[in-house]
Amino acid sequence: MKRSHLGRLAVCLCLLWLGAYVLASPPPGGYHLLKTIPLGAAPGGGEYFDYITVDAAARRLYLSHGTEVQVLDADSGAVVGNITGLKRDHGVALVPELGRGFISDGDAGQAVIFDLKTLKTIGQVKADHDADSIIYDPASKRVFVFNGDPKSCTVIDPAKGTVVATMALGGAPEQAVADGKGMIYDNLEDTNEVVAIDSRTLQIKSRWPVAPAGQPVSMAMDRQHRRLFIGGRNPKLFVVMDADSGKIIGQPFPIGDRVDTNVFDPETGVVACSTREGTIHVFHEDSPDKVTLVETVKTEFGAKTMGLDAKTHNLFVDTSGFGPADAASKQQPRPIPGTFHLLIYGR
């Protein structure tokens, strides 16, 4: 009787171990192009594109596109509206409880407020030149605009549409994330650091080096397990950081040239980063202390910004056609006006 009981116990433990192993194992690869959506030129000509913001609940995509933000249906890809009158926009932060969105306009040095239903502009808030990454922090109920060249952050009360404070960061900020509990993390690309900000007191709590990566630009977060996923441009490495101690976890992974965006899917454990050379590096968080490279997906040159649909788990990147580089001026290849398009990848 005792032997039989021990045998059953051993079988149960074995099944539990196997189940845990299956959950920890990386999912199969297989991200592939589902659809290409041509979108045309922005008002005023030229071609520039930056952050992609996905509102999975409302089924909308917000695409930064130079002098406009194009708003698409997340399921059909149809254009549902355009927010125009911008100079050079970068990102979009959504505040659903107020029915408002905020756009960082770098060349205008401001945040533009718009109505989420009508997509009409309803106000502006002064930020600073090169207003770039922008996020809404639900813990403090504030919008944070990160100004690159001035190395500062403009903090906005979204209900009043006024500036709460301007913070000196001591470095040039890039993509930022909020943990939902009152901490905000951002990359400082020129000092090779991550800065941790208390969103209520507006105090910088920590500065952590990202070595062996350098020039950190892209960031995503596993809020449950307190992990930051960081992409650096020089050296070109993907690293995982403990969001409480700043410790680098595990080994770095090489990535493509000019990474610009990271995303994390808490339901699937997928972490992905997109690069300008035309690659999406897909990782899987096997455990809080282990990340595995699943696959590298070839996209198109210039497709460096990305959004994640939490409902379908699809990845969105956008880019344009590019002309040859000007050898005499040693410039990068230039986007061709009127060729802007969205690429949708799924499994």
Protein backbone atom coordinates (compact mmCIF):
# COMPACT_ATOMS: atom_id res chain seq x y z
CA MET A 1 0.00 0.00 0.00
CA LYS A 2 2.77 2.44 0.94
CA ARG A 3 4.76 1.51 -2.17
CA SER A 4 1.71 2.13 -4.37
CA HIS A 5 1.15 5.51 -2.74
CA LEU A 6 4.78 6.48 -3.31
CA GLY A 7 4.54 5.38 -6.90
CA ARG A 8 1.51 7.55 -7.52
CA LEU A 9 3.26 10.46 -5.84
CA ALA A 10 6.29 10.03 -8.07
CA VAL A 11 4.11 9.99 -11.18
CA CYS A 12 2.32 13.17 -10.05
CA LEU A 13 5.60 14.92 -9.38
CA CYS A 14 6.89 13.86 -12.78
CA LEU A 15 3.78 15.21 -14.50
CA LEU A 16 4.09 18.49 -12.63
CA TRP A 17 7.74 18.76 -13.66
CA LEU A 18 6.87 18.07 -17.27
CA GLY A 19 4.10 20.66 -17.16
CA ALA A 20 6.47 23.26 -15.78
CA TYR A 21 8.99 22.39 -18.46
CA VAL A 22 6.40 22.85 -21.19
CA LEU A 23 5.35 26.24 -19.78
CA ALA A 24 8.97 27.37 -19.57
CA SER A 25 9.91 26.21 -23.05
CA PRO A 26 10.02 28.83 -25.80
CA PRO A 27 7.02 28.83 -28.13
CA PRO A 28 7.64 27.81 -31.71
CA GLY A 29 8.74 30.53 -34.09
CA GLY A 30 6.89 31.30 -37.23
CA TYR A 31 6.21 35.02 -37.25
CA HIS A 32 5.48 35.90 -40.86
CA LEU A 33 4.04 38.78 -42.85
CA LEU A 34 0.25 38.77 -42.74
CA LYS A 35 -0.53 42.01 -44.50
CA THR A 36 1.00 45.16 -46.01
CA ILE A 37 -1.06 48.35 -45.86
CA PRO A 38 0.02 51.32 -48.04
CA LEU A 39 -0.66 54.66 -46.38
CA GLY A 40 0.72 57.40 -48.62
CA ALA A 41 2.35 60.74 -47.93
CA ALA A 42 2.00 62.97 -44.89
CA PRO A 43 0.66 66.51 -45.43
CA GLY A 44 3.43 68.88 -46.43
CA GLY A 45 5.57 66.19 -48.02
CA GLY A 46 8.66 64.59 -46.57
CA GLU A 47 8.70 61.26 -44.79
CA TYR A 48 9.27 60.59 -41.12
CA PHE A 49 7.83 57.96 -38.78
CA ASP A 50 8.36 56.99 -35.16
CA TYR A 51 6.44 55.26 -32.35
CA ILE A 52 3.45 52.98 -32.94
CA THR A 53 0.81 52.96 -30.20
CA VAL A 54 -1.73 50.13 -30.01
CA ASP A 55 -5.04 50.54 -28.16
CA ALA A 56 -5.99 46.87 -27.99
CA ALA A 57 -9.26 47.53 -26.15
CA ALA A 58 -10.52 50.17 -28.57
CA ARG A 59 -9.01 48.32 -31.58
CA ARG A 60 -7.05 51.30 -32.84
CA LEU A 61 -3.50 51.88 -34.04
CA TYR A 62 -1.81 55.26 -33.80
CA LEU A 63 1.04 55.70 -36.28
CA SER A 64 3.41 58.62 -35.88
CA HIS A 65 3.95 60.02 -39.38
CA GLY A 66 5.77 63.34 -39.48
CA THR A 67 3.16 66.09 -39.67
CA GLU A 68 0.27 63.77 -38.80
CA VAL A 69 -0.78 60.82 -36.70
CA GLN A 70 -2.64 58.24 -38.77
CA VAL A 71 -5.27 56.27 -36.87
CA LEU A 72 -6.17 52.81 -38.17
CA ASP A 73 -8.62 50.07 -37.29
CA ALA A 74 -6.47 47.39 -35.65
CA ASP A 75 -8.43 44.55 -37.27
CA SER A 76 -9.09 45.73 -40.82
CA GLY A 77 -6.20 48.17 -41.23
CA ALA A 78 -8.58 50.79 -42.57
CA VAL A 79 -7.72 54.43 -41.85
CA VAL A 80 -10.34 55.82 -39.45
CA GLY A 81 -8.87 59.29 -39.08
CA ASN A 82 -5.86 61.60 -39.20
CA ILE A 83 -4.63 64.05 -36.60
CA THR A 84 -2.92 66.79 -38.58
CA GLY A 85 -1.30 70.18 -38.05
CA LEU A 86 1.83 68.77 -36.43
CA LYS A 87 5.43 69.65 -37.19
CA ARG A 88 7.35 66.44 -36.39
CA ASP A 89 5.52 64.08 -34.06
CA HIS A 90 7.06 61.14 -32.23
CA GLY A 91 4.77 59.30 -29.81
CA VAL A 92 1.21 59.02 -28.52
CA ALA A 93 0.07 58.51 -24.91
CA LEU A 94 -3.53 57.51 -24.22
CA VAL A 95 -5.57 58.50 -21.15
CA PRO A 96 -8.80 56.51 -21.64
CA GLU A 97 -10.48 57.62 -18.40
CA LEU A 98 -10.34 61.23 -19.62
CA GLY A 99 -11.08 60.41 -23.25
CA ARG A 100 -7.86 62.18 -24.24
CA GLY A 101 -4.66 61.42 -26.06
CA PHE A 102 -1.35 63.30 -26.06
CA ILE A 103 1.11 63.56 -28.96
CA SER A 104 4.74 64.59 -28.53
CA ASP A 105 5.67 67.08 -31.27
CA GLY A 106 9.44 67.43 -31.24
CA ASP A 107 9.85 70.31 -33.66
CA ALA A 108 7.03 72.30 -32.03
CA GLY A 109 8.36 71.52 -28.54
CA GLN A 110 4.95 70.63 -27.18
CA ALA A 111 2.40 67.96 -26.42
CA VAL A 112 -0.77 68.13 -28.50
CA ILE A 113 -4.01 67.05 -26.79
CA PHE A 114 -6.71 65.33 -28.84
CA ASP A 115 -10.13 63.79 -28.24
CA LEU A 116 -10.06 59.99 -28.44
CA LYS A 117 -13.53 59.78 -30.03
CA THR A 118 -13.43 62.59 -32.56
CA LEU A 119 -9.63 62.70 -33.03
CA LYS A 120 -9.92 66.50 -32.99
CA THR A 121 -7.14 68.58 -31.44
CA ILE A 122 -8.36 70.24 -28.23
CA GLY A 123 -5.22 71.84 -26.85
CA GLN A 124 -1.45 72.10 -26.56
CA VAL A 125 0.93 71.97 -23.62
CA LYS A 126 4.42 73.43 -23.85
CA ALA A 127 7.18 70.84 -23.46
CA ASP A 128 10.63 71.37 -24.99
CA HIS A 129 12.48 70.94 -28.25
CA ASP A 130 12.91 67.32 -29.34
CA ALA A 131 9.92 66.11 -27.32
CA ASP A 132 10.15 62.39 -28.09
CA SER A 133 9.04 59.42 -25.98
CA ILE A 134 5.75 60.00 -24.16
CA ILE A 135 3.86 57.79 -21.70
CA TYR A 136 0.90 57.95 -19.33
CA ASP A 137 1.55 56.76 -15.77
CA PRO A 138 -1.69 55.45 -14.19
CA ALA A 139 -0.23 55.47 -10.66
CA SER A 140 0.42 59.22 -10.55
CA LYS A 141 -2.16 60.03 -13.26
CA ARG A 142 0.41 62.10 -15.11
CA VAL A 143 1.77 62.26 -18.64
CA PHE A 144 5.56 62.24 -19.01
CA VAL A 145 7.17 63.75 -22.11
CA PHE A 146 10.86 62.95 -22.55
CA ASN A 147 12.81 65.68 -24.37
CA GLY A 148 15.91 64.27 -26.07
CA ASP A 149 18.32 67.12 -26.78
CA PRO A 150 17.45 69.17 -23.65
CA LYS A 151 17.90 66.00 -21.56
CA SER A 152 14.74 66.68 -19.62
CA CYS A 153 11.25 65.43 -18.87
CA THR A 154 8.07 67.54 -18.94
CA VAL A 155 5.43 66.28 -16.50
CA ILE A 156 1.82 67.10 -17.40
CA ASP A 157 -1.47 66.99 -15.51
CA PRO A 158 -3.66 65.47 -18.27
CA ALA A 159 -6.96 66.58 -16.70
CA LYS A 160 -5.94 70.24 -16.46
CA GLY A 161 -3.68 70.24 -19.49
CA THR A 162 -0.94 72.03 -17.56
CA VAL A 163 2.73 71.44 -16.77
CA VAL A 164 3.39 70.07 -13.28
CA ALA A 165 7.18 70.19 -13.45
CA THR A 166 10.20 69.93 -15.70
CA MET A 167 12.85 67.46 -14.59
CA ALA A 168 16.53 67.52 -15.51
CA LEU A 169 17.59 63.95 -16.29
CA GLY A 170 21.34 64.29 -16.77
CA GLY A 171 21.24 62.43 -20.08
CA ALA A 172 19.35 62.15 -23.36
CA PRO A 173 16.18 60.06 -22.81
CA GLU A 174 14.71 57.52 -25.20
CA GLN A 175 11.93 54.89 -24.86
CA ALA A 176 10.34 54.86 -21.38
CA VAL A 177 8.10 52.45 -19.47
CA ALA A 178 5.95 52.70 -16.32
CA ASP A 179 5.56 49.84 -13.87
CA GLY A 180 2.01 50.88 -12.90
CA LYS A 181 3.02 51.25 -9.24
CA GLY A 182 4.69 54.63 -9.32
CA MET A 183 8.08 54.03 -10.95
CA ILE A 184 9.12 55.08 -14.43
CA TYR A 185 12.22 53.81 -16.20
CA ASP A 186 13.96 55.38 -19.16
CA ASN A 187 17.11 54.85 -21.18
CA LEU A 188 19.71 57.63 -21.24
CA GLU A 189 21.47 56.86 -24.48
CA ASP A 190 24.44 59.23 -24.13
CA THR A 191 25.37 58.16 -20.59
CA ASN A 192 24.69 54.43 -21.10
CA GLU A 193 22.31 54.31 -18.15
CA VAL A 194 18.79 53.49 -17.09
CA VAL A 195 17.21 56.10 -14.84
CA ALA A 196 14.48 55.20 -12.33
CA ILE A 197 12.00 57.99 -11.48
CA ASP A 198 9.43 58.14 -8.69
CA SER A 199 6.38 59.35 -10.63
CA ARG A 200 4.70 60.89 -7.56
CA THR A 201 7.62 62.76 -5.95
CA LEU A 202 9.40 63.33 -9.29
CA GLN A 203 12.70 62.31 -7.76
CA ILE A 204 15.34 60.25 -9.54
CA LYS A 205 15.79 57.21 -7.32
CA SER A 206 18.50 55.29 -9.19
CA ARG A 207 20.91 55.33 -12.12
CA TRP A 208 22.10 51.99 -13.42
CA PRO A 209 24.66 51.17 -16.14
CA VAL A 210 23.49 48.97 -19.02
CA ALA A 211 26.91 47.44 -19.74
CA PRO A 212 27.79 45.29 -21.62
CA ALA A 213 25.23 47.02 -23.90
CA GLY A 214 25.73 50.67 -24.79
CA GLN A 215 23.73 53.60 -26.16
CA PRO A 216 20.46 52.15 -24.81
CA VAL A 217 17.40 53.18 -26.81
CA SER A 218 14.58 50.62 -26.65
CA MET A 219 12.84 49.33 -23.54
CA ALA A 220 9.94 47.10 -22.50
CA MET A 221 8.96 45.69 -19.12
CA ASP A 222 7.62 42.53 -17.51
CA ARG A 223 5.78 44.28 -14.69
CA GLN A 224 4.89 41.09 -12.82
CA HIS A 225 8.45 39.79 -12.57
CA ARG A 226 10.13 43.21 -12.47
CA ARG A 227 12.32 42.79 -15.52
CA LEU A 228 13.41 45.49 -17.99
CA PHE A 229 14.25 44.47 -21.55
CA ILE A 230 16.74 46.91 -23.07
CA GLY A 231 18.15 47.27 -26.57
CA GLY A 232 21.45 49.08 -27.17
CA ARG A 233 22.94 50.44 -30.37
CA ASN A 234 26.62 50.52 -29.46
CA PRO A 235 27.45 47.75 -28.65
CA LYS A 236 24.39 46.31 -30.41
CA LEU A 237 23.10 44.11 -27.60
CA PHE A 238 19.84 43.09 -25.94
CA VAL A 239 20.03 42.81 -22.14
CA VAL A 240 17.67 42.02 -19.26
CA MET A 241 17.79 44.14 -16.10
CA ASP A 242 16.28 43.67 -12.64
CA ALA A 243 13.98 46.69 -12.19
CA ASP A 244 14.64 46.88 -8.45
CA SER A 245 18.39 46.43 -8.23
CA GLY A 246 19.60 47.41 -11.71
CA LYS A 247 21.48 44.11 -12.00
CA ILE A 248 21.94 42.68 -15.50
CA ILE A 249 20.38 39.20 -15.64
CA GLY A 250 21.91 36.46 -17.79
CA GLN A 251 23.92 36.92 -20.95
CA PRO A 252 23.43 39.62 -23.61
CA PHE A 253 22.21 38.81 -27.12
CA PRO A 254 23.54 40.45 -30.31
CA ILE A 255 20.91 42.34 -32.30
CA GLY A 256 20.67 44.27 -35.56
CA ASP A 257 21.69 47.83 -36.34
CA ARG A 258 19.84 50.82 -34.83
CA VAL A 259 17.31 49.13 -32.58
CA ASP A 260 14.46 51.51 -31.73
CA THR A 261 11.58 49.69 -30.01
CA ASN A 262 11.02 46.78 -27.62
CA VAL A 263 7.67 45.19 -26.73
CA PHE A 264 6.66 42.53 -24.19
CA ASP A 265 3.61 40.26 -24.31
CA PRO A 266 2.80 39.08 -20.75
CA GLU A 267 0.34 36.44 -21.98
CA THR A 268 2.82 34.62 -24.23
CA GLY A 269 6.12 35.65 -22.63
CA VAL A 270 7.34 36.98 -25.99
CA VAL A 271 9.82 39.85 -26.00
CA ALA A 272 10.63 41.45 -29.35
CA CYS A 273 12.88 44.25 -30.55
CA SER A 274 12.85 45.88 -33.99
CA THR A 275 15.83 47.38 -35.81
CA ARG A 276 16.34 49.77 -38.69
CA GLU A 277 18.27 47.20 -40.70
CA GLY A 278 14.98 45.29 -41.08
CA THR A 279 14.87 42.62 -38.38
CA ILE A 280 12.60 41.71 -35.49
CA HIS A 281 14.45 39.70 -32.85
CA VAL A 282 11.91 37.49 -31.05
CA PHE A 283 12.81 36.22 -27.58
CA HIS A 284 10.91 34.21 -24.98
CA GLU A 285 11.03 34.79 -21.24
CA ASP A 286 11.36 31.19 -20.05
CA SER A 287 11.61 32.38 -16.44
CA PRO A 288 12.41 35.70 -14.75
CA ASP A 289 16.08 34.77 -14.94
CA LYS A 290 16.20 33.18 -18.38
CA VAL A 291 15.46 34.55 -21.85
CA THR A 292 15.86 32.51 -25.04
CA LEU A 293 16.18 33.72 -28.63
CA VAL A 294 13.36 32.12 -30.63
CA GLU A 295 13.88 33.59 -34.11
CA THR A 296 14.96 36.61 -36.11
CA VAL A 297 12.32 37.77 -38.57
CA LYS A 298 13.36 39.61 -41.71
CA THR A 299 11.19 42.69 -42.33
CA GLU A 300 12.15 45.74 -44.42
CA PHE A 301 14.85 48.36 -44.12
CA GLY A 302 13.73 51.22 -41.88
CA ALA A 303 11.15 49.21 -39.92
CA LYS A 304 12.60 50.17 -36.54
CA THR A 305 9.47 51.10 -34.58
CA MET A 306 6.92 48.52 -33.47
CA GLY A 307 3.66 47.97 -31.64
CA LEU A 308 2.11 44.88 -30.05
CA ASP A 309 -1.58 43.96 -30.17
CA ALA A 310 -2.29 42.33 -26.80
CA LYS A 311 -5.48 40.76 -28.21
CA THR A 312 -4.18 39.05 -31.37
CA HIS A 313 -0.47 39.03 -30.37
CA ASN A 314 0.35 40.47 -33.80
CA LEU A 315 3.33 42.78 -34.28
CA PHE A 316 3.08 46.02 -36.25
CA VAL A 317 6.04 47.79 -37.85
CA ASP A 318 6.06 50.61 -40.39
CA THR A 319 8.55 51.96 -42.88
CA SER A 320 8.80 53.47 -46.35
CA GLY A 321 10.69 53.02 -49.56
CA PHE A 322 14.24 54.42 -49.49
CA GLY A 323 16.37 56.07 -52.11
CA PRO A 324 20.13 55.56 -52.40
CA ALA A 325 22.42 57.27 -49.91
CA ASP A 326 24.19 60.45 -50.97
CA ALA A 327 27.80 59.26 -51.10
CA ALA A 328 29.19 62.80 -51.19
CA SER A 329 27.48 63.86 -47.96
CA LYS A 330 27.79 60.44 -46.29
CA GLN A 331 24.11 60.52 -45.41
CA GLN A 332 21.94 57.52 -44.63
CA PRO A 333 19.46 56.35 -47.30
CA ARG A 334 16.53 58.75 -47.38
CA PRO A 335 12.82 57.84 -47.24
CA ILE A 336 10.87 58.36 -50.45
CA PRO A 337 7.80 60.59 -49.89
CA GLY A 338 4.49 58.84 -50.46
CA THR A 339 5.76 55.29 -49.80
CA PHE A 340 4.86 55.00 -46.10
CA HIS A 341 3.31 51.61 -45.24
CA LEU A 342 2.40 49.32 -42.36
CA LEU A 343 3.54 45.70 -42.04
CA ILE A 344 1.63 43.25 -39.86
CA TYR A 345 3.33 40.09 -38.59
CA GLY A 346 1.66 37.18 -36.83
CA ARG A 347 1.98 33.44 -36.25
